[in-house]
């Protein structure tokens, strides 16, 4: 009883840090989407070609994806609170400086710097969750973190668009970048320390109290559950990038919506998606607190989420003017539910001492879908003249993701890392 009270006190003490991490994730997605809003103005003002804009859009992912494979080493080896603050500083200054520069080359450098700074977000957050939250509290935390990605996209689209319309794109970048810096003193004030009994930074977890070194990348890559989680995460990102990249085009060119109606429709989808993510995280935590097996509860939630997304995508492929919106909403419900656990699995499996490395590697593999998915959809659209084939392929990817989480991941408990294993970094 006393231990339960202490745990509740620890969770209350962690709440400000959790709120700041969710806010950081929201800002992360606002900043990465700003350039798309400014692109029409830049194209005219600087005389950029469509191919140059494409390079600028993709440059973010060059550094972001590449650094995922090493950033986990940083957050496991050094003070994770300092690492995430440094990354936040880099990406906020990159945003502000973007509003002060001129020329394609300098803008390319700023996009690469933005990707480098933002690469710390999810490995660091997962490290912090793994060492501060018990299993029955990670669902809601991760579900809300996933929802904040959608909130960031929505806030960036509406708020950023409004600022650009009134202040111009340069002032908008400077204002957003500099105001974001206010997050840093708040983080220094409420940054978390490990709260769970038995967890010390870089040492063994409560379920593995022996003398255990932080596992190497090779040890993580050798685990079947890692590849199951990475495959499932890749499939989730494939669905997300399909929606983010092509939904506006679909609504305007295939359903003939106005820009304002398109924005409202996309915003509704984001709202449904994010609400589904938060509710799924809350529900799974509740079931686990009441004695549910974490493996069964979290796997069923993922499986149902991906199956629902696949159903919505299949129906969307054959929908008409009166039904496509309902199909989109079903996709949003499934996508939100399926996204609630993409980081939670790795946090539990890796344990506090290896969560950064595990999630860094997993997120790096998952973000390869941003390279392949949107390009494949564009190719299929050129060949067929419609979205149906791309939608059905995305539905198949969703089903693959559900199978990966259910059958590719072993029992949801910390991997027993070999004792005294040396770190090869």
Protein backbone atom coordinates (compact mmCIF):
# COMPACT_ATOMS: atom_id res chain seq x y z
CA UNK A 1 0.00 0.00 0.00
CA UNK A 2 2.82 2.37 0.91
CA UNK A 3 4.67 1.43 -2.30
CA UNK A 4 1.54 2.26 -4.32
CA UNK A 5 1.29 5.68 -2.67
CA UNK A 6 4.94 6.37 -3.44
CA UNK A 7 4.37 5.41 -7.05
CA UNK A 8 1.40 7.79 -7.31
CA UNK A 9 3.51 10.58 -5.82
CA UNK A 10 6.25 9.83 -8.37
CA UNK A 11 3.76 10.02 -11.24
CA UNK A 12 2.41 13.34 -9.99
CA UNK A 13 5.95 14.69 -9.73
CA UNK A 14 6.64 13.53 -13.29
CA UNK A 15 3.51 15.21 -14.75
CA UNK A 16 5.17 18.60 -15.57
CA UNK A 17 8.00 16.85 -17.43
CA UNK A 18 5.47 14.74 -19.34
CA UNK A 19 3.55 17.87 -20.34
CA UNK A 20 6.77 19.49 -21.55
CA UNK A 21 7.71 16.42 -23.61
CA UNK A 22 4.29 16.45 -25.26
CA UNK A 23 4.68 20.18 -25.97
CA UNK A 24 8.15 19.55 -27.42
CA UNK A 25 6.73 16.89 -29.75
CA UNK A 26 4.02 19.32 -30.90
CA UNK A 27 6.64 22.02 -31.60
CA UNK A 28 8.74 19.38 -33.37
CA UNK A 29 5.96 18.79 -35.91
CA UNK A 30 5.13 22.50 -36.28
CA UNK A 31 8.75 23.27 -37.17
CA UNK A 32 9.24 20.42 -39.60
CA UNK A 33 6.09 21.41 -41.54
CA UNK A 34 6.71 25.16 -41.79
CA UNK A 35 8.60 24.96 -45.07
CA UNK A 36 5.69 23.30 -46.87
CA UNK A 37 3.50 26.29 -45.95
CA UNK A 38 6.11 28.78 -47.16
CA UNK A 39 6.96 26.83 -50.34
CA UNK A 40 4.58 28.69 -52.70
CA UNK A 41 6.06 32.02 -51.61
CA UNK A 42 9.65 30.78 -51.80
CA UNK A 43 9.09 29.38 -55.26
CA UNK A 44 8.10 32.81 -56.53
CA UNK A 45 10.44 34.94 -54.40
CA UNK A 46 13.59 32.89 -55.03
CA UNK A 47 12.65 31.37 -58.36
CA UNK A 48 12.98 27.81 -57.05
CA UNK A 49 12.06 24.88 -59.25
CA UNK A 50 9.81 22.03 -58.13
CA UNK A 51 12.83 19.74 -57.99
CA UNK A 52 14.67 22.18 -55.71
CA UNK A 53 11.66 22.30 -53.40
CA UNK A 54 11.61 18.50 -53.39
CA UNK A 55 15.27 18.44 -52.34
CA UNK A 56 14.54 20.89 -49.51
CA UNK A 57 11.60 18.82 -48.29
CA UNK A 58 13.65 15.61 -48.27
CA UNK A 59 16.79 17.20 -46.77
CA UNK A 60 15.16 17.13 -43.34
CA UNK A 61 14.96 13.33 -43.52
CA UNK A 62 18.60 12.94 -44.60
CA UNK A 63 19.92 13.97 -41.20
CA UNK A 64 16.84 12.99 -39.17
CA UNK A 65 16.75 9.39 -40.37
CA UNK A 66 20.52 8.86 -40.46
CA UNK A 67 21.01 10.16 -36.92
CA UNK A 68 18.31 7.91 -35.49
CA UNK A 69 20.80 5.05 -35.77
CA UNK A 70 23.30 6.79 -33.46
CA UNK A 71 21.27 9.20 -31.33
CA UNK A 72 20.15 6.38 -29.07
CA UNK A 73 23.78 5.85 -28.09
CA UNK A 74 23.94 9.49 -26.95
CA UNK A 75 20.83 9.34 -24.77
CA UNK A 76 21.93 6.05 -23.19
CA UNK A 77 25.50 7.23 -22.55
CA UNK A 78 24.98 10.85 -21.47
CA UNK A 79 22.43 12.80 -19.42
CA UNK A 80 19.23 12.44 -21.45
CA UNK A 81 17.81 15.69 -20.08
CA UNK A 82 20.80 17.61 -21.48
CA UNK A 83 20.72 15.77 -24.81
CA UNK A 84 17.08 16.59 -25.51
CA UNK A 85 17.62 20.21 -24.45
CA UNK A 86 20.58 20.50 -26.84
CA UNK A 87 18.55 19.04 -29.69
CA UNK A 88 15.65 21.38 -28.94
CA UNK A 89 18.04 24.36 -28.98
CA UNK A 90 19.47 23.31 -32.36
CA UNK A 91 16.09 22.82 -34.04
CA UNK A 92 14.58 26.05 -32.62
CA UNK A 93 17.56 28.15 -33.72
CA UNK A 94 17.48 26.45 -37.14
CA UNK A 95 13.85 27.52 -37.51
CA UNK A 96 14.60 31.11 -36.47
CA UNK A 97 17.69 31.44 -38.67
CA UNK A 98 15.74 30.12 -41.67
CA UNK A 99 13.78 33.38 -41.60
CA UNK A 100 17.01 35.41 -41.87
CA UNK A 101 18.82 33.72 -44.75
CA UNK A 102 18.71 33.97 -48.52
CA UNK A 103 19.54 31.35 -51.10
CA UNK A 104 18.94 27.69 -51.79
CA UNK A 105 22.26 26.50 -50.35
CA UNK A 106 21.83 28.10 -46.93
CA UNK A 107 18.23 26.95 -46.72
CA UNK A 108 19.38 23.41 -47.47
CA UNK A 109 21.87 23.63 -44.60
CA UNK A 110 19.15 24.83 -42.23
CA UNK A 111 16.85 21.95 -43.19
CA UNK A 112 19.65 19.46 -42.51
CA UNK A 113 20.34 21.16 -39.16
CA UNK A 114 16.63 21.03 -38.31
CA UNK A 115 16.56 17.28 -38.97
CA UNK A 116 19.66 16.78 -36.83
CA UNK A 117 18.15 18.69 -33.89
CA UNK A 118 14.77 16.98 -34.09
CA UNK A 119 16.34 13.51 -34.26
CA UNK A 120 16.74 13.48 -30.46
CA UNK A 121 13.02 13.79 -29.68
CA UNK A 122 11.68 10.24 -29.62
CA UNK A 123 14.74 8.26 -28.47
CA UNK A 124 15.12 10.74 -25.59
CA UNK A 125 11.42 10.71 -24.68
CA UNK A 126 11.42 6.90 -24.72
CA UNK A 127 14.46 6.79 -22.47
CA UNK A 128 12.72 9.12 -20.03
CA UNK A 129 9.45 7.16 -20.11
CA UNK A 130 11.25 3.86 -19.61
CA UNK A 131 13.03 5.02 -16.45
CA UNK A 132 10.18 7.10 -14.96
CA UNK A 133 6.93 5.32 -15.75
CA UNK A 134 5.66 1.87 -14.75
CA UNK A 135 4.10 -0.34 -17.42
CA UNK A 136 0.55 0.59 -16.46
CA UNK A 137 1.24 4.31 -17.05
CA UNK A 138 3.08 4.13 -20.37
CA UNK A 139 0.05 3.64 -22.60
CA UNK A 140 -1.52 7.04 -21.95
CA UNK A 141 1.86 8.80 -22.00
CA UNK A 142 2.83 7.27 -25.34
CA UNK A 143 -0.67 7.65 -26.78
CA UNK A 144 -0.65 11.36 -25.95
CA UNK A 145 2.88 11.73 -27.32
CA UNK A 146 1.70 10.14 -30.58
CA UNK A 147 -1.38 12.41 -30.62
CA UNK A 148 0.84 15.47 -30.21
CA UNK A 149 2.35 14.72 -33.64
CA UNK A 150 -1.10 15.23 -35.17
CA UNK A 151 -1.70 18.31 -33.03
CA UNK A 152 1.59 19.74 -34.27
CA UNK A 153 0.60 19.15 -37.88
CA UNK A 154 -2.78 20.80 -37.28
CA UNK A 155 -1.38 23.76 -35.32
CA UNK A 156 1.35 24.23 -37.91
CA UNK A 157 -1.11 24.16 -40.79
CA UNK A 158 -3.68 26.54 -39.34
CA UNK A 159 -1.59 28.71 -37.03
CA UNK A 160 1.48 28.83 -39.26
CA UNK A 161 -0.64 29.56 -42.32
CA UNK A 162 -2.38 32.42 -40.53
CA UNK A 163 0.93 33.92 -39.36
CA UNK A 164 2.44 33.69 -42.85
CA UNK A 165 -0.62 35.41 -44.31
CA UNK A 166 -0.33 38.30 -41.83
CA UNK A 167 3.40 38.57 -41.10
CA UNK A 168 5.12 36.97 -44.08
CA UNK A 169 7.12 33.77 -44.09
CA UNK A 170 10.39 35.27 -42.77
CA UNK A 171 8.86 36.83 -39.66
CA UNK A 172 6.83 33.68 -39.04
CA UNK A 173 9.94 31.48 -38.95
CA UNK A 174 11.76 33.92 -36.65
CA UNK A 175 8.81 34.30 -34.26
CA UNK A 176 8.10 30.57 -34.00
CA UNK A 177 11.79 29.70 -33.54
CA UNK A 178 12.44 32.31 -30.84
CA UNK A 179 9.20 31.77 -28.91
CA UNK A 180 9.93 28.03 -28.85
CA UNK A 181 13.11 28.75 -26.87
CA UNK A 182 10.92 29.50 -23.85
CA UNK A 183 10.56 25.73 -23.53
CA UNK A 184 14.19 25.42 -22.40
CA UNK A 185 14.02 27.27 -19.04
CA UNK A 186 10.81 25.37 -18.24
CA UNK A 187 12.61 22.09 -18.98
CA UNK A 188 15.54 23.07 -16.76
CA UNK A 189 13.05 23.76 -13.98
CA UNK A 190 10.95 20.58 -14.29
CA UNK A 191 13.31 18.08 -15.93
CA UNK A 192 12.75 14.58 -14.55
CA UNK A 193 14.97 12.31 -12.52
CA UNK A 194 14.51 8.51 -12.37
CA UNK A 195 11.58 7.81 -10.07
CA UNK A 196 11.04 4.05 -10.18
CA UNK A 197 12.54 2.08 -7.34
CA UNK A 198 15.64 0.18 -8.38
CA UNK A 199 16.30 2.10 -11.59
CA UNK A 200 19.62 3.90 -11.80
CA UNK A 201 20.87 5.57 -14.95
CA UNK A 202 22.83 3.15 -17.05
CA UNK A 203 22.39 0.28 -14.62
CA UNK A 204 20.09 -2.68 -14.21
CA UNK A 205 16.32 -2.46 -14.14
CA UNK A 206 14.10 -3.74 -11.32
CA UNK A 207 13.38 -6.98 -13.17
CA UNK A 208 17.04 -7.58 -13.91
CA UNK A 209 18.97 -6.57 -10.82
CA UNK A 210 22.29 -8.20 -11.71
CA UNK A 211 25.43 -6.48 -12.93
CA UNK A 212 24.33 -5.75 -16.51
CA UNK A 213 26.03 -3.46 -18.99
CA UNK A 214 24.13 -1.41 -21.52
CA UNK A 215 23.63 -3.79 -24.48
CA UNK A 216 25.40 -3.18 -27.77
CA UNK A 217 23.68 -2.34 -31.02
CA UNK A 218 24.50 -5.86 -32.20
CA UNK A 219 22.74 -7.35 -29.18
CA UNK A 220 19.59 -5.31 -29.90
CA UNK A 221 19.66 -6.15 -33.61
CA UNK A 222 19.89 -9.83 -32.72
CA UNK A 223 16.51 -9.82 -30.97
CA UNK A 224 13.47 -11.10 -32.85
CA UNK A 225 11.22 -8.70 -30.96
CA UNK A 226 13.25 -5.74 -32.22
CA UNK A 227 12.54 -6.67 -35.83
CA UNK A 228 8.87 -7.30 -35.08
CA UNK A 229 8.54 -3.86 -33.46
CA UNK A 230 10.54 -2.17 -36.23
CA UNK A 231 8.38 -3.76 -38.92
CA UNK A 232 5.20 -2.71 -37.13
CA UNK A 233 6.53 0.84 -36.66
CA UNK A 234 7.55 1.01 -40.35
CA UNK A 235 3.99 0.06 -41.32
CA UNK A 236 2.52 2.70 -39.00
CA UNK A 237 4.76 5.38 -40.52
CA UNK A 238 3.89 4.22 -44.03
CA UNK A 239 0.20 4.86 -43.30
CA UNK A 240 0.98 8.22 -41.66
CA UNK A 241 3.20 9.48 -44.48
CA UNK A 242 0.63 8.35 -47.05
CA UNK A 243 -2.03 10.45 -45.33
CA UNK A 244 0.17 13.47 -44.62
CA UNK A 245 1.78 13.56 -48.07
CA UNK A 246 -1.18 12.78 -50.33
CA UNK A 247 -4.45 13.47 -48.50
CA UNK A 248 -4.54 17.22 -49.42
CA UNK A 249 -3.88 16.38 -53.08
CA UNK A 250 -6.58 13.68 -53.04
CA UNK A 251 -9.19 15.95 -51.48
CA UNK A 252 -8.52 18.84 -53.88
CA UNK A 253 -7.91 16.97 -57.14
CA UNK A 254 -10.07 13.86 -56.77
CA UNK A 255 -12.89 15.16 -54.57
CA UNK A 256 -12.69 18.77 -55.88
CA UNK A 257 -12.74 20.42 -52.45
CA UNK A 258 -11.69 24.03 -51.99
CA UNK A 259 -8.49 24.71 -50.07
CA UNK A 260 -10.40 25.84 -46.98
CA UNK A 261 -12.73 22.81 -47.06
CA UNK A 262 -9.74 20.53 -47.61
CA UNK A 263 -8.02 22.01 -44.54
CA UNK A 264 -11.13 21.47 -42.43
CA UNK A 265 -11.48 17.87 -43.60
CA UNK A 266 -7.82 17.10 -42.92
CA UNK A 267 -8.14 18.78 -39.52
CA UNK A 268 -11.10 16.57 -38.66
CA UNK A 269 -9.06 13.50 -39.53
CA UNK A 270 -6.18 14.67 -37.32
CA UNK A 271 -8.61 15.26 -34.44
CA UNK A 272 -10.13 11.79 -34.71
CA UNK A 273 -6.70 10.17 -35.07
CA UNK A 274 -5.27 11.94 -32.01
CA UNK A 275 -8.35 11.26 -29.86
CA UNK A 276 -8.18 7.57 -30.78
CA UNK A 277 -4.51 7.48 -29.77
CA UNK A 278 -5.10 9.07 -26.36
CA UNK A 279 -8.14 6.90 -25.59
CA UNK A 280 -6.34 3.71 -26.64
CA UNK A 281 -3.39 4.54 -24.39
CA UNK A 282 -5.73 5.30 -21.47
CA UNK A 283 -7.76 2.13 -22.02
CA UNK A 284 -4.74 -0.19 -22.19
CA UNK A 285 -3.28 1.30 -19.01
CA UNK A 286 -6.62 0.86 -17.25
CA UNK A 287 -6.84 -2.79 -18.28
CA UNK A 288 -3.28 -3.45 -17.09
CA UNK A 289 -3.89 -1.72 -13.73
CA UNK A 290 -6.89 -4.02 -13.26
CA UNK A 291 -4.75 -7.11 -13.73
CA UNK A 292 -4.65 -7.55 -17.50
CA UNK A 293 -1.58 -9.17 -19.03
CA UNK A 294 0.42 -6.33 -20.71
CA UNK A 295 1.32 -8.62 -23.63
CA UNK A 296 -2.29 -9.51 -24.37
CA UNK A 297 -3.68 -6.01 -23.77
CA UNK A 298 -1.13 -4.07 -25.82
CA UNK A 299 -0.97 -6.61 -28.68
CA UNK A 300 -4.76 -6.74 -29.03
CA UNK A 301 -4.92 -2.95 -29.11
CA UNK A 302 -2.32 -2.81 -31.87
CA UNK A 303 -3.90 -5.63 -33.85
CA UNK A 304 -7.38 -4.08 -33.73
CA UNK A 305 -5.97 -0.65 -34.61
CA UNK A 306 -4.14 -1.84 -37.71
CA UNK A 307 -7.05 -4.03 -38.81
CA UNK A 308 -9.41 -1.05 -38.49
CA UNK A 309 -7.04 1.14 -40.52
CA UNK A 310 -6.82 -1.55 -43.22
CA UNK A 311 -10.62 -1.83 -43.34
CA UNK A 312 -10.97 1.93 -43.72
CA UNK A 313 -8.34 2.07 -46.47
CA UNK A 314 -9.98 -0.75 -48.43
CA UNK A 315 -13.39 0.89 -48.18
CA UNK A 316 -11.86 4.27 -49.09
CA UNK A 317 -10.44 2.78 -52.31
CA UNK A 318 -13.98 1.99 -53.51
CA UNK A 319 -15.81 4.90 -51.89
CA UNK A 320 -17.86 7.60 -53.60
CA UNK A 321 -18.49 11.30 -52.95
CA UNK A 322 -20.97 10.51 -50.15
CA UNK A 323 -18.92 7.84 -48.36
CA UNK A 324 -15.23 8.71 -48.60
CA UNK A 325 -15.28 10.92 -45.49
CA UNK A 326 -16.64 8.08 -43.32
CA UNK A 327 -13.90 5.81 -44.65
CA UNK A 328 -11.30 8.45 -43.77
CA UNK A 329 -12.61 8.64 -40.22
CA UNK A 330 -12.37 4.85 -39.86
CA UNK A 331 -8.75 5.13 -41.04
CA UNK A 332 -8.13 7.81 -38.43
CA UNK A 333 -9.57 5.68 -35.62
CA UNK A 334 -7.40 2.72 -36.63
CA UNK A 335 -4.27 4.77 -37.21
CA UNK A 336 -4.57 6.48 -33.83
CA UNK A 337 -5.12 3.20 -32.00
CA UNK A 338 -2.23 1.56 -33.85
CA UNK A 339 0.11 4.44 -33.15
CA UNK A 340 -0.47 4.55 -29.39
CA UNK A 341 2.00 1.73 -28.69
CA UNK A 342 4.74 2.11 -31.30
CA UNK A 343 7.23 3.45 -28.73
CA UNK A 344 5.76 1.77 -25.64
CA UNK A 345 6.78 -1.73 -26.76
CA UNK A 346 10.43 -0.80 -27.17
CA UNK A 347 10.53 1.01 -23.83
CA UNK A 348 9.42 -2.15 -22.04
CA UNK A 349 11.47 -4.63 -24.08
CA UNK A 350 14.71 -2.65 -23.93
CA UNK A 351 14.42 -1.53 -20.31
CA UNK A 352 15.69 1.77 -18.91
CA UNK A 353 19.35 1.12 -19.74
CA UNK A 354 18.79 0.46 -23.46
CA UNK A 355 15.57 2.28 -24.40
CA UNK A 356 17.42 5.08 -26.19
CA UNK A 357 19.39 2.74 -28.44
CA UNK A 358 16.43 0.48 -29.14
CA UNK A 359 14.05 3.32 -30.07
CA UNK A 360 16.74 5.13 -32.06
CA UNK A 361 17.34 2.06 -34.21
CA UNK A 362 13.63 1.26 -34.47
CA UNK A 363 12.68 4.82 -35.40
CA UNK A 364 15.45 4.97 -38.00
CA UNK A 365 14.14 1.85 -39.74
CA UNK A 366 10.56 3.10 -39.45
CA UNK A 367 11.37 6.42 -41.10
CA UNK A 368 12.65 4.69 -44.21
CA UNK A 369 8.95 4.51 -45.06
CA UNK A 370 9.08 8.26 -45.61
CA UNK A 371 11.55 7.64 -48.43
CA UNK A 372 9.65 4.78 -50.09
CA UNK A 373 5.94 5.34 -49.41
CA UNK A 374 5.15 8.80 -50.83
CA UNK A 375 7.33 8.16 -53.90
CA UNK A 376 5.61 4.83 -54.63
CA UNK A 377 2.19 6.46 -54.31
CA UNK A 378 3.20 9.18 -56.77
CA UNK A 379 4.44 6.58 -59.27
CA UNK A 380 1.21 4.58 -59.00
CA UNK A 381 -0.88 7.73 -59.36
CA UNK A 382 0.96 8.64 -62.58
CA UNK A 383 0.48 5.13 -63.95
CA UNK A 384 -3.17 4.55 -63.02
CA UNK A 385 -4.64 8.05 -62.75
CA UNK A 386 -6.33 7.29 -59.42
CA UNK A 387 -5.55 6.45 -55.80
CA UNK A 388 -7.24 3.05 -55.51
CA UNK A 389 -4.14 0.87 -56.03
CA UNK A 390 -2.08 2.99 -53.63
CA UNK A 391 -4.87 2.81 -51.03
CA UNK A 392 -5.09 -0.97 -51.30
CA UNK A 393 -1.30 -1.32 -51.00
CA UNK A 394 -1.39 0.87 -47.89
CA UNK A 395 -4.16 -1.36 -46.50
CA UNK A 396 -1.93 -4.38 -47.08
CA UNK A 397 0.91 -2.61 -45.25
CA UNK A 398 -1.48 -1.95 -42.34
CA UNK A 399 -2.34 -5.64 -42.10
CA UNK A 400 1.36 -6.53 -42.20
CA UNK A 401 1.91 -4.11 -39.31
CA UNK A 402 -0.76 -5.77 -37.21
CA UNK A 403 0.74 -9.21 -37.81
CA UNK A 404 4.22 -7.87 -36.95
CA UNK A 405 3.13 -6.54 -33.55
CA UNK A 406 1.13 -9.65 -32.64
CA UNK A 407 3.37 -12.42 -33.97
CA UNK A 408 6.75 -10.73 -34.44
CA UNK A 409 7.13 -9.48 -30.86
CA UNK A 410 7.69 -11.91 -28.01
CA UNK A 411 6.27 -11.59 -24.50
CA UNK A 412 6.11 -7.94 -23.46
CA UNK A 413 8.74 -7.87 -20.74
CA UNK A 414 12.28 -6.61 -20.55
CA UNK A 415 14.80 -8.61 -22.52
CA UNK A 416 17.32 -10.29 -20.25
CA UNK A 417 20.51 -8.76 -21.55
CA UNK A 418 23.72 -10.79 -21.03
CA UNK A 419 25.65 -9.81 -17.92
CA UNK A 420 28.94 -7.98 -18.33
CA UNK A 421 28.37 -7.50 -22.07
CA UNK A 422 30.77 -4.98 -23.56
CA UNK A 423 29.45 -2.02 -25.50
CA UNK A 424 30.48 -1.82 -29.15
CA UNK A 425 29.57 1.70 -30.25
